[in-house]
Amino acid sequence: MLTYTSETWPLTKRVRKQLNIFERKVYRRILGPVYDNEKEKWRILTNKEIYPSVKKTYYKRDNKIK
């Protein structure tokens, strides 16, 4: 997404993490809140719920995106 035409940029662990955080923030904005019928209120999507919607793999253990 943000790394388009930046193949030569070195991505450190810190920069990669910041890009992933920003990407999730954008996905949450695009996908919007969901209504939770059990709690009867609106909530934001979790990482586990976001990634299937955008067809990305989520690894909870080390928060890596594949």
PDB file of N, CA and C in Angstrom:
ATOM      1  N   MET A   1       0.814  -1.185   0.000  1.00  0.00           N
ATOM      2  CA  MET A   1       0.000   0.000   0.000  1.00  0.00           C
ATOM      3  C   MET A   1       0.865   1.260   0.000  1.00  0.00           C
ATOM      4  N   LEU A   2       1.577   1.525   1.052  1.00  0.00           N
ATOM      5  CA  LEU A   2       2.414   2.715   1.109  1.00  0.00           C
ATOM      6  C   LEU A   2       3.811   2.491   0.567  1.00  0.00           C
ATOM      7  N   THR A   3       4.174   1.251   0.344  1.00  0.00           N
ATOM      8  CA  THR A   3       5.526   0.964  -0.126  1.00  0.00           C
ATOM      9  C   THR A   3       5.616   0.901  -1.645  1.00  0.00           C
ATOM     10  N   TYR A   4       4.612   1.391  -2.335  1.00  0.00           N
ATOM     11  CA  TYR A   4       4.603   1.390  -3.794  1.00  0.00           C
ATOM     12  C   TYR A   4       5.782   2.193  -4.332  1.00  0.00           C
ATOM     13  N   THR A   5       6.527   1.674  -5.258  1.00  0.00           N
ATOM     14  CA  THR A   5       7.730   2.255  -5.872  1.00  0.00           C
ATOM     15  C   THR A   5       8.812   2.584  -4.859  1.00  0.00           C
ATOM     16  N   SER A   6       8.826   1.887  -3.754  1.00  0.00           N
ATOM     17  CA  SER A   6       9.870   2.130  -2.750  1.00  0.00           C
ATOM     18  C   SER A   6      10.650   0.851  -2.479  1.00  0.00           C
ATOM     19  N   GLU A   7      10.854   0.046  -3.505  1.00  0.00           N
ATOM     20  CA  GLU A   7      11.530  -1.236  -3.338  1.00  0.00           C
ATOM     21  C   GLU A   7      12.942  -1.084  -2.787  1.00  0.00           C
ATOM     22  N   THR A   8      13.544   0.072  -2.995  1.00  0.00           N
ATOM     23  CA  THR A   8      14.923   0.259  -2.550  1.00  0.00           C
ATOM     24  C   THR A   8      15.021   0.835  -1.147  1.00  0.00           C
ATOM     25  N   TRP A   9      13.906   1.198  -0.538  1.00  0.00           N
ATOM     26  CA  TRP A   9      13.953   1.721   0.814  1.00  0.00           C
ATOM     27  C   TRP A   9      14.205   0.586   1.795  1.00  0.00           C
ATOM     28  N   PRO A  10      15.161   0.755   2.692  1.00  0.00           N
ATOM     29  CA  PRO A  10      15.340  -0.283   3.715  1.00  0.00           C
ATOM     30  C   PRO A  10      14.242  -0.156   4.770  1.00  0.00           C
ATOM     31  N   LEU A  11      13.504  -1.231   4.996  1.00  0.00           N
ATOM     32  CA  LEU A  11      12.443  -1.210   5.996  1.00  0.00           C
ATOM     33  C   LEU A  11      12.962  -1.831   7.283  1.00  0.00           C
ATOM     34  N   THR A  12      13.161  -0.992   8.267  1.00  0.00           N
ATOM     35  CA  THR A  12      13.569  -1.498   9.570  1.00  0.00           C
ATOM     36  C   THR A  12      12.355  -2.092  10.265  1.00  0.00           C
ATOM     37  N   LYS A  13      12.585  -2.787  11.339  1.00  0.00           N
ATOM     38  CA  LYS A  13      11.501  -3.393  12.089  1.00  0.00           C
ATOM     39  C   LYS A  13      10.530  -2.320  12.596  1.00  0.00           C
ATOM     40  N   ARG A  14      11.094  -1.207  13.041  1.00  0.00           N
ATOM     41  CA  ARG A  14      10.284  -0.104  13.568  1.00  0.00           C
ATOM     42  C   ARG A  14       9.421   0.528  12.477  1.00  0.00           C
ATOM     43  N   VAL A  15       9.993   0.772  11.311  1.00  0.00           N
ATOM     44  CA  VAL A  15       9.247   1.372  10.203  1.00  0.00           C
ATOM     45  C   VAL A  15       8.164   0.423   9.714  1.00  0.00           C
ATOM     46  N   ARG A  16       8.480  -0.846   9.622  1.00  0.00           N
ATOM     47  CA  ARG A  16       7.498  -1.847   9.195  1.00  0.00           C
ATOM     48  C   ARG A  16       6.314  -1.890  10.164  1.00  0.00           C
ATOM     49  N   LYS A  17       6.606  -1.823  11.463  1.00  0.00           N
ATOM     50  CA  LYS A  17       5.552  -1.832  12.467  1.00  0.00           C
ATOM     51  C   LYS A  17       4.665  -0.593  12.321  1.00  0.00           C
ATOM     52  N   GLN A  18       5.286   0.567  12.103  1.00  0.00           N
ATOM     53  CA  GLN A  18       4.523   1.800  11.924  1.00  0.00           C
ATOM     54  C   GLN A  18       3.641   1.738  10.674  1.00  0.00           C
ATOM     55  N   LEU A  19       4.161   1.164   9.596  1.00  0.00           N
ATOM     56  CA  LEU A  19       3.369   1.010   8.375  1.00  0.00           C
ATOM     57  C   LEU A  19       2.187   0.072   8.607  1.00  0.00           C
ATOM     58  N   ASN A  20       2.403  -1.005   9.343  1.00  0.00           N
ATOM     59  CA  ASN A  20       1.322  -1.946   9.639  1.00  0.00           C
ATOM     60  C   ASN A  20       0.246  -1.289  10.491  1.00  0.00           C
ATOM     61  N   ILE A  21       0.657  -0.491  11.469  1.00  0.00           N
ATOM     62  CA  ILE A  21      -0.300   0.212  12.318  1.00  0.00           C
ATOM     63  C   ILE A  21      -1.130   1.183  11.484  1.00  0.00           C
ATOM     64  N   PHE A  22      -0.458   1.934  10.622  1.00  0.00           N
ATOM     65  CA  PHE A  22      -1.168   2.880   9.768  1.00  0.00           C
ATOM     66  C   PHE A  22      -2.129   2.158   8.827  1.00  0.00           C
ATOM     67  N   GLU A  23      -1.679   1.049   8.267  1.00  0.00           N
ATOM     68  CA  GLU A  23      -2.518   0.284   7.353  1.00  0.00           C
ATOM     69  C   GLU A  23      -3.782  -0.215   8.045  1.00  0.00           C
ATOM     70  N   ARG A  24      -3.645  -0.736   9.281  1.00  0.00           N
ATOM     71  CA  ARG A  24      -4.821  -1.198  10.023  1.00  0.00           C
ATOM     72  C   ARG A  24      -5.768  -0.037  10.327  1.00  0.00           C
ATOM     73  N   LYS A  25      -5.201   1.121  10.625  1.00  0.00           N
ATOM     74  CA  LYS A  25      -6.010   2.302  10.900  1.00  0.00           C
ATOM     75  C   LYS A  25      -6.846   2.682   9.673  1.00  0.00           C
ATOM     76  N   VAL A  26      -6.227   2.622   8.491  1.00  0.00           N
ATOM     77  CA  VAL A  26      -6.937   2.933   7.251  1.00  0.00           C
ATOM     78  C   VAL A  26      -8.018   1.889   6.984  1.00  0.00           C
ATOM     79  N   TYR A  27      -7.709   0.610   7.175  1.00  0.00           N
ATOM     80  CA  TYR A  27      -8.710  -0.446   6.972  1.00  0.00           C
ATOM     81  C   TYR A  27      -9.896  -0.261   7.915  1.00  0.00           C
ATOM     82  N   ARG A  28      -9.626   0.072   9.173  1.00  0.00           N
ATOM     83  CA  ARG A  28     -10.721   0.288  10.122  1.00  0.00           C
ATOM     84  C   ARG A  28     -11.613   1.440   9.667  1.00  0.00           C
ATOM     85  N   ARG A  29     -10.996   2.470   9.129  1.00  0.00           N
ATOM     86  CA  ARG A  29     -11.754   3.632   8.644  1.00  0.00           C
ATOM     87  C   ARG A  29     -12.614   3.238   7.437  1.00  0.00           C
ATOM     88  N   ILE A  30     -12.045   2.465   6.533  1.00  0.00           N
ATOM     89  CA  ILE A  30     -12.768   2.050   5.329  1.00  0.00           C
ATOM     90  C   ILE A  30     -13.904   1.083   5.670  1.00  0.00           C
ATOM     91  N   LEU A  31     -13.609   0.089   6.508  1.00  0.00           N
ATOM     92  CA  LEU A  31     -14.604  -0.930   6.834  1.00  0.00           C
ATOM     93  C   LEU A  31     -15.659  -0.425   7.811  1.00  0.00           C
ATOM     94  N   GLY A  32     -15.319   0.578   8.594  1.00  0.00           N
ATOM     95  CA  GLY A  32     -16.277   1.182   9.510  1.00  0.00           C
ATOM     96  C   GLY A  32     -16.560   0.341  10.737  1.00  0.00           C
ATOM     97  N   PRO A  33     -17.360   0.891  11.660  1.00  0.00           N
ATOM     98  CA  PRO A  33     -17.710   0.149  12.873  1.00  0.00           C
ATOM     99  C   PRO A  33     -18.737  -0.946  12.571  1.00  0.00           C
ATOM    100  N   VAL A  34     -18.842  -1.901  13.474  1.00  0.00           N
ATOM    101  CA  VAL A  34     -19.835  -2.966  13.344  1.00  0.00           C
ATOM    102  C   VAL A  34     -20.732  -2.949  14.578  1.00  0.00           C
ATOM    103  N   TYR A  35     -21.950  -3.378  14.391  1.00  0.00           N
ATOM    104  CA  TYR A  35     -22.896  -3.429  15.507  1.00  0.00           C
ATOM    105  C   TYR A  35     -22.804  -4.787  16.178  1.00  0.00           C
ATOM    106  N   ASP A  36     -22.536  -4.785  17.474  1.00  0.00           N
ATOM    107  CA  ASP A  36     -22.436  -6.016  18.250  1.00  0.00           C
ATOM    108  C   ASP A  36     -23.806  -6.305  18.857  1.00  0.00           C
ATOM    109  N   ASN A  37     -24.466  -7.357  18.360  1.00  0.00           N
ATOM    110  CA  ASN A  37     -25.820  -7.688  18.826  1.00  0.00           C
ATOM    111  C   ASN A  37     -25.842  -8.143  20.278  1.00  0.00           C
ATOM    112  N   GLU A  38     -24.791  -8.817  20.728  1.00  0.00           N
ATOM    113  CA  GLU A  38     -24.752  -9.285  22.119  1.00  0.00           C
ATOM    114  C   GLU A  38     -24.713  -8.119  23.092  1.00  0.00           C
ATOM    115  N   LYS A  39     -23.833  -7.167  22.835  1.00  0.00           N
ATOM    116  CA  LYS A  39     -23.667  -6.020  23.739  1.00  0.00           C
ATOM    117  C   LYS A  39     -24.572  -4.850  23.366  1.00  0.00           C
ATOM    118  N   GLU A  40     -25.233  -4.974  22.218  1.00  0.00           N
ATOM    119  CA  GLU A  40     -26.146  -3.950  21.718  1.00  0.00           C
ATOM    120  C   GLU A  40     -25.504  -2.576  21.626  1.00  0.00           C
ATOM    121  N   LYS A  41     -24.301  -2.549  21.027  1.00  0.00           N
ATOM    122  CA  LYS A  41     -23.646  -1.272  20.779  1.00  0.00           C
ATOM    123  C   LYS A  41     -22.635  -1.412  19.645  1.00  0.00           C
ATOM    124  N   TRP A  42     -22.189  -0.279  19.127  1.00  0.00           N
ATOM    125  CA  TRP A  42     -21.227  -0.249  18.032  1.00  0.00           C
ATOM    126  C   TRP A  42     -19.823  -0.424  18.563  1.00  0.00           C
ATOM    127  N   ARG A  43     -18.958  -1.042  17.758  1.00  0.00           N
ATOM    128  CA  ARG A  43     -17.563  -1.231  18.137  1.00  0.00           C
ATOM    129  C   ARG A  43     -16.690  -1.236  16.887  1.00  0.00           C
ATOM    130  N   ILE A  44     -15.374  -1.028  17.083  1.00  0.00           N
ATOM    131  CA  ILE A  44     -14.452  -1.094  15.954  1.00  0.00           C
ATOM    132  C   ILE A  44     -14.028  -2.542  15.744  1.00  0.00           C
ATOM    133  N   LEU A  45     -13.547  -2.842  14.569  1.00  0.00           N
ATOM    134  CA  LEU A  45     -13.119  -4.203  14.240  1.00  0.00           C
ATOM    135  C   LEU A  45     -11.778  -4.521  14.898  1.00  0.00           C
ATOM    136  N   THR A  46     -11.608  -5.788  15.267  1.00  0.00           N
ATOM    137  CA  THR A  46     -10.330  -6.241  15.795  1.00  0.00           C
ATOM    138  C   THR A  46      -9.421  -6.618  14.630  1.00  0.00           C
ATOM    139  N   ASN A  47      -8.142  -6.808  14.912  1.00  0.00           N
ATOM    140  CA  ASN A  47      -7.201  -7.206  13.860  1.00  0.00           C
ATOM    141  C   ASN A  47      -7.632  -8.522  13.210  1.00  0.00           C
ATOM    142  N   LYS A  48      -8.107  -9.462  14.009  1.00  0.00           N
ATOM    143  CA  LYS A  48      -8.548 -10.753  13.478  1.00  0.00           C
ATOM    144  C   LYS A  48      -9.717 -10.599  12.522  1.00  0.00           C
ATOM    145  N   GLU A  49     -10.554  -9.607  12.752  1.00  0.00           N
ATOM    146  CA  GLU A  49     -11.711  -9.386  11.894  1.00  0.00           C
ATOM    147  C   GLU A  49     -11.349  -8.596  10.639  1.00  0.00           C
ATOM    148  N   ILE A  50     -10.328  -7.755  10.732  1.00  0.00           N
ATOM    149  CA  ILE A  50      -9.917  -6.933   9.594  1.00  0.00           C
ATOM    150  C   ILE A  50      -9.255  -7.778   8.518  1.00  0.00           C
ATOM    151  N   TYR A  51      -8.307  -8.615   8.892  1.00  0.00           N
ATOM    152  CA  TYR A  51      -7.489  -9.314   7.909  1.00  0.00           C
ATOM    153  C   TYR A  51      -8.257 -10.257   6.993  1.00  0.00           C
ATOM    154  N   PRO A  52      -9.252 -10.993   7.453  1.00  0.00           N
ATOM    155  CA  PRO A  52     -10.024 -11.798   6.494  1.00  0.00           C
ATOM    156  C   PRO A  52     -10.768 -10.929   5.477  1.00  0.00           C
ATOM    157  N   SER A  53     -11.188  -9.746   5.890  1.00  0.00           N
ATOM    158  CA  SER A  53     -11.901  -8.842   4.985  1.00  0.00           C
ATOM    159  C   SER A  53     -11.004  -8.328   3.875  1.00  0.00           C
ATOM    160  N   VAL A  54      -9.718  -8.169   4.180  1.00  0.00           N
ATOM    161  CA  VAL A  54      -8.786  -7.644   3.180  1.00  0.00           C
ATOM    162  C   VAL A  54      -7.848  -8.729   2.664  1.00  0.00           C
ATOM    163  N   LYS A  55      -8.133  -9.970   3.056  1.00  0.00           N
ATOM    164  CA  LYS A  55      -7.385 -11.149   2.591  1.00  0.00           C
ATOM    165  C   LYS A  55      -5.901 -11.085   2.930  1.00  0.00           C
ATOM    166  N   LYS A  56      -5.604 -10.775   4.191  1.00  0.00           N
ATOM    167  CA  LYS A  56      -4.231 -10.809   4.687  1.00  0.00           C
ATOM    168  C   LYS A  56      -4.175 -11.789   5.844  1.00  0.00           C
ATOM    169  N   THR A  57      -3.008 -12.344   6.089  1.00  0.00           N
ATOM    170  CA  THR A  57      -2.822 -13.278   7.182  1.00  0.00           C
ATOM    171  C   THR A  57      -2.390 -12.510   8.422  1.00  0.00           C
ATOM    172  N   TYR A  58      -2.984 -12.842   9.540  1.00  0.00           N
ATOM    173  CA  TYR A  58      -2.667 -12.178  10.808  1.00  0.00           C
ATOM    174  C   TYR A  58      -2.013 -13.175  11.751  1.00  0.00           C
ATOM    175  N   TYR A  59      -0.879 -12.793  12.294  1.00  0.00           N
ATOM    176  CA  TYR A  59      -0.184 -13.620  13.272  1.00  0.00           C
ATOM    177  C   TYR A  59      -0.181 -12.884  14.596  1.00  0.00           C
ATOM    178  N   LYS A  60      -0.972 -13.368  15.537  1.00  0.00           N
ATOM    179  CA  LYS A  60      -1.104 -12.684  16.823  1.00  0.00           C
ATOM    180  C   LYS A  60       0.184 -12.736  17.630  1.00  0.00           C
ATOM    181  N   ARG A  61       0.896 -13.839  17.542  1.00  0.00           N
ATOM    182  CA  ARG A  61       2.058 -14.046  18.388  1.00  0.00           C
ATOM    183  C   ARG A  61       3.113 -12.955  18.242  1.00  0.00           C
ATOM    184  N   ASP A  62       3.466 -12.604  17.030  1.00  0.00           N
ATOM    185  CA  ASP A  62       4.469 -11.568  16.848  1.00  0.00           C
ATOM    186  C   ASP A  62       3.942 -10.408  16.001  1.00  0.00           C
ATOM    187  N   ASN A  63       2.617 -10.342  15.795  1.00  0.00           N
ATOM    188  CA  ASN A  63       1.962  -9.252  15.065  1.00  0.00           C
ATOM    189  C   ASN A  63       2.557  -8.997  13.689  1.00  0.00           C
ATOM    190  N   LYS A  64       2.863 -10.052  12.972  1.00  0.00           N
ATOM    191  CA  LYS A  64       3.399  -9.899  11.627  1.00  0.00           C
ATOM    192  C   LYS A  64       2.293 -10.067  10.609  1.00  0.00           C
ATOM    193  N   ILE A  65       2.430  -9.358   9.521  1.00  0.00           N
ATOM    194  CA  ILE A  65       1.492  -9.485   8.416  1.00  0.00           C
ATOM    195  C   ILE A  65       2.219 -10.185   7.279  1.00  0.00           C
ATOM    196  N   LYS A  66       1.539 -11.109   6.670  1.00  0.00           N
ATOM    197  CA  LYS A  66       2.149 -11.840   5.553  1.00  0.00           C
ATOM    198  C   LYS A  66       1.556 -11.381   4.261  1.00  0.00           C
TER     199      LYS A  66
END
